[in-house]
Amino acid sequence: MNTYFRQPETTQAAEGLPRRAWTVAEIEAMVKAGIIEEDERFELIDGEVVPMSPKGNRHELMKGALNYFWTLNLPKSVRMIPETTFRLDGKSFLEPDFVFFETASGLKNLSPATALLAVELADSSLRYDTGRKAAVYAKHRVRELLVIDVESLRTHVFSKPSEDGFLERRLIEPTDVLALSFAPAVAVKLAELPLI
């Protein structure tokens, strides 16, 4: 069967009406064809296109500071990539602020199974990032998620993913040490992190 003429899947809209579900491959083809601009900001969750909110100044300052800190301090066995399209399956991709993975597995093999950690920086998106988006990461078994509230500098740590969401959630205050579970020596107090 020609994949271009397949019966499209649907998703359920909030108002109860069906919507066409998209695949990652279809979205990538639309970007390649110029139908969707490369710099357009959205995520694909279970076939639904979800627009992303604009990034505020504080978001960008925190992203720059963490990028600088982690790049200088990560062990050689671990790599991190900022703002990558993180493909979770054929119907979902997210755009986390950072994803960590083992150097040996490499970026080309990045998947929910190989990711050590995803990090989301939230300003206006805190409820979404700690709610629906966290549930998507858990469903795809990403082992750990940090959601950093860039206003309060509190970090929501999610671990032990399951089909029903993350089984463990804790809050780290800005004056407490935030350490990476897979590299405990890489630790910082967000309240003391110089924003660049």
Protein backbone atom coordinates (compact mmCIF):
# COMPACT_ATOMS: atom_id res chain seq x y z
CA MET A 1 0.00 0.00 0.00
CA ASN A 2 1.30 3.44 -0.87
CA THR A 3 1.99 5.22 2.45
CA TYR A 4 0.97 8.56 0.97
CA PHE A 5 -2.58 7.29 0.42
CA ARG A 6 -3.07 5.50 3.73
CA GLN A 7 -6.13 6.26 5.83
CA PRO A 8 -4.90 8.90 8.31
CA GLU A 9 -5.15 8.18 12.01
CA THR A 10 -7.10 10.56 14.20
CA THR A 11 -6.73 11.95 17.70
CA GLN A 12 -9.49 13.26 19.96
CA ALA A 13 -9.68 17.03 20.34
CA ALA A 14 -10.64 18.66 23.62
CA GLU A 15 -14.10 19.49 22.30
CA GLY A 16 -14.62 15.83 21.35
CA LEU A 17 -14.15 16.17 17.59
CA PRO A 18 -11.63 13.93 15.81
CA ARG A 19 -8.41 15.43 14.46
CA ARG A 20 -5.96 13.98 11.98
CA ALA A 21 -2.91 12.43 13.68
CA TRP A 22 0.51 13.15 12.17
CA THR A 23 3.62 10.99 12.23
CA VAL A 24 7.18 12.15 12.83
CA ALA A 25 8.04 11.13 9.25
CA GLU A 26 5.20 13.25 7.83
CA ILE A 27 6.23 16.30 9.85
CA GLU A 28 9.87 15.87 8.77
CA ALA A 29 8.74 15.58 5.12
CA MET A 30 6.71 18.81 5.46
CA VAL A 31 9.74 20.62 6.89
CA LYS A 32 11.92 19.29 4.06
CA ALA A 33 9.35 20.43 1.48
CA GLY A 34 9.18 23.91 3.05
CA ILE A 35 5.53 23.58 4.13
CA ILE A 36 6.64 24.02 7.75
CA GLU A 37 9.50 26.39 8.50
CA GLU A 38 12.59 24.78 10.08
CA ASP A 39 12.60 27.26 12.96
CA GLU A 40 8.89 26.87 13.77
CA ARG A 41 8.57 25.87 17.42
CA PHE A 42 6.25 22.97 18.19
CA GLU A 43 6.28 19.43 19.49
CA LEU A 44 4.44 16.33 18.30
CA ILE A 45 2.67 14.36 21.03
CA ASP A 46 0.81 11.21 20.03
CA GLY A 47 0.23 12.66 16.57
CA GLU A 48 -0.92 16.11 17.75
CA VAL A 49 1.06 19.24 16.89
CA VAL A 50 1.49 21.26 20.08
CA PRO A 51 2.80 24.84 19.67
CA MET A 52 5.54 25.85 22.10
CA SER A 53 5.39 29.08 24.04
CA PRO A 54 8.00 31.76 23.31
CA LYS A 55 11.17 31.70 25.40
CA GLY A 56 11.63 34.56 27.81
CA ASN A 57 14.88 36.32 28.63
CA ARG A 58 15.33 34.51 31.96
CA HIS A 59 14.85 31.17 30.19
CA GLU A 60 17.67 31.99 27.79
CA LEU A 61 19.97 33.26 30.57
CA MET A 62 19.47 30.06 32.56
CA LYS A 63 19.96 27.90 29.48
CA GLY A 64 23.24 29.66 28.70
CA ALA A 65 24.50 29.34 32.29
CA LEU A 66 23.64 25.63 32.55
CA ASN A 67 25.06 24.90 29.11
CA TYR A 68 28.35 26.53 30.11
CA PHE A 69 28.46 24.80 33.52
CA TRP A 70 27.61 21.32 32.26
CA THR A 71 29.92 21.55 29.23
CA LEU A 72 32.86 22.37 31.53
CA ASN A 73 32.07 19.77 34.17
CA LEU A 74 30.65 16.65 32.51
CA PRO A 75 32.83 13.53 32.60
CA LYS A 76 34.11 12.30 29.23
CA SER A 77 31.75 9.33 29.42
CA VAL A 78 28.69 11.60 29.17
CA ARG A 79 27.53 14.01 26.48
CA MET A 80 24.79 16.61 26.43
CA ILE A 81 23.01 18.28 23.56
CA PRO A 82 20.85 21.40 23.89
CA GLU A 83 17.57 21.91 22.02
CA THR A 84 17.53 18.79 19.90
CA THR A 85 14.50 17.14 18.36
CA PHE A 86 14.13 14.13 20.64
CA ARG A 87 12.21 11.45 18.73
CA LEU A 88 10.32 9.24 21.18
CA ASP A 89 8.48 7.02 18.67
CA GLY A 90 6.82 7.29 15.27
CA LYS A 91 4.15 9.71 16.55
CA SER A 92 5.97 11.84 19.13
CA PHE A 93 8.94 14.14 19.42
CA LEU A 94 9.79 16.73 22.03
CA GLU A 95 12.27 19.61 22.08
CA PRO A 96 13.87 19.48 25.54
CA ASP A 97 16.30 22.20 26.53
CA PHE A 98 18.96 19.53 27.20
CA VAL A 99 19.31 15.77 26.76
CA PHE A 100 22.15 13.76 28.29
CA PHE A 101 23.41 10.43 26.94
CA GLU A 102 26.45 8.17 27.24
CA THR A 103 29.30 9.07 24.91
CA ALA A 104 29.61 5.43 23.86
CA SER A 105 26.00 5.27 22.59
CA GLY A 106 26.37 8.51 20.62
CA LEU A 107 23.86 11.08 19.46
CA LYS A 108 22.86 9.05 16.40
CA ASN A 109 21.45 6.38 18.73
CA LEU A 110 19.61 8.81 21.01
CA SER A 111 16.29 7.32 22.07
CA PRO A 112 14.24 7.11 25.26
CA ALA A 113 16.20 3.95 26.13
CA THR A 114 19.62 5.60 25.76
CA ALA A 115 18.82 9.01 27.27
CA LEU A 116 20.17 9.47 30.77
CA LEU A 117 18.23 12.65 31.48
CA ALA A 118 16.01 15.24 29.82
CA VAL A 119 15.91 18.81 31.14
CA GLU A 120 13.11 21.32 30.59
CA LEU A 121 13.48 24.98 31.56
CA ALA A 122 10.08 26.46 32.34
CA ASP A 123 8.95 30.04 32.64
CA SER A 124 5.37 30.27 31.36
CA SER A 125 5.20 26.51 30.68
CA LEU A 126 5.73 25.09 34.20
CA ARG A 127 2.30 23.48 34.49
CA TYR A 128 2.57 21.91 31.04
CA ASP A 129 6.16 20.72 31.60
CA THR A 130 5.39 19.14 34.99
CA GLY A 131 2.05 17.76 33.78
CA ARG A 132 1.37 16.53 30.27
CA LYS A 133 4.97 16.71 29.07
CA ALA A 134 6.30 14.82 32.12
CA ALA A 135 3.65 12.14 31.45
CA VAL A 136 4.90 11.80 27.85
CA TYR A 137 8.50 11.35 29.01
CA ALA A 138 7.37 8.74 31.57
CA LYS A 139 5.24 6.86 29.05
CA HIS A 140 8.28 6.52 26.78
CA ARG A 141 10.43 5.43 29.76
CA VAL A 142 12.92 8.30 29.77
CA ARG A 143 14.63 7.45 33.06
CA GLU A 144 14.81 10.92 34.57
CA LEU A 145 13.45 14.42 33.94
CA LEU A 146 14.38 17.74 35.50
CA VAL A 147 11.98 20.65 35.14
CA ILE A 148 13.64 23.86 36.31
CA ASP A 149 11.37 26.79 37.10
CA VAL A 150 13.53 29.68 35.87
CA GLU A 151 11.63 32.20 38.02
CA SER A 152 11.83 30.47 41.43
CA LEU A 153 14.91 28.35 40.54
CA ARG A 154 13.19 25.32 42.05
CA THR A 155 13.88 22.03 40.29
CA HIS A 156 11.24 19.33 39.94
CA VAL A 157 12.99 15.95 39.72
CA PHE A 158 11.01 13.11 38.14
CA SER A 159 12.30 9.51 38.21
CA LYS A 160 11.12 5.90 37.93
CA PRO A 161 9.02 6.21 34.76
CA SER A 162 5.94 4.06 34.19
CA GLU A 163 2.96 3.96 31.85
CA ASP A 164 1.03 5.95 34.47
CA GLY A 165 3.67 8.67 34.91
CA PHE A 166 6.77 9.03 37.02
CA LEU A 167 6.54 7.14 40.30
CA GLU A 168 8.89 9.47 42.16
CA ARG A 169 8.90 13.26 42.24
CA ARG A 170 10.87 15.56 44.52
CA LEU A 171 11.61 19.25 44.70
CA ILE A 172 15.08 20.76 45.02
CA GLU A 173 15.26 24.30 46.37
CA PRO A 174 17.62 26.81 44.69
CA THR A 175 19.97 26.82 47.72
CA ASP A 176 20.18 23.00 47.76
CA VAL A 177 22.64 21.02 45.65
CA LEU A 178 21.36 19.88 42.26
CA ALA A 179 23.49 16.90 41.21
CA LEU A 180 23.19 14.66 38.17
CA SER A 181 22.21 11.14 39.29
CA PHE A 182 24.59 9.52 36.78
CA ALA A 183 27.44 11.97 37.59
CA PRO A 184 27.00 13.05 41.26
CA ALA A 185 30.19 15.12 41.20
CA VAL A 186 28.54 17.43 38.66
CA ALA A 187 26.61 19.47 41.20
CA VAL A 188 25.51 23.08 41.46
CA LYS A 189 23.31 25.32 43.58
CA LEU A 190 21.12 27.20 41.13
CA ALA A 191 20.94 30.21 43.46
CA GLU A 192 24.72 30.54 43.07
CA LEU A 193 24.94 29.86 39.34
CA PRO A 194 26.03 33.05 37.53
CA LEU A 195 23.65 33.84 34.68
CA ILE A 196 25.47 34.75 31.50
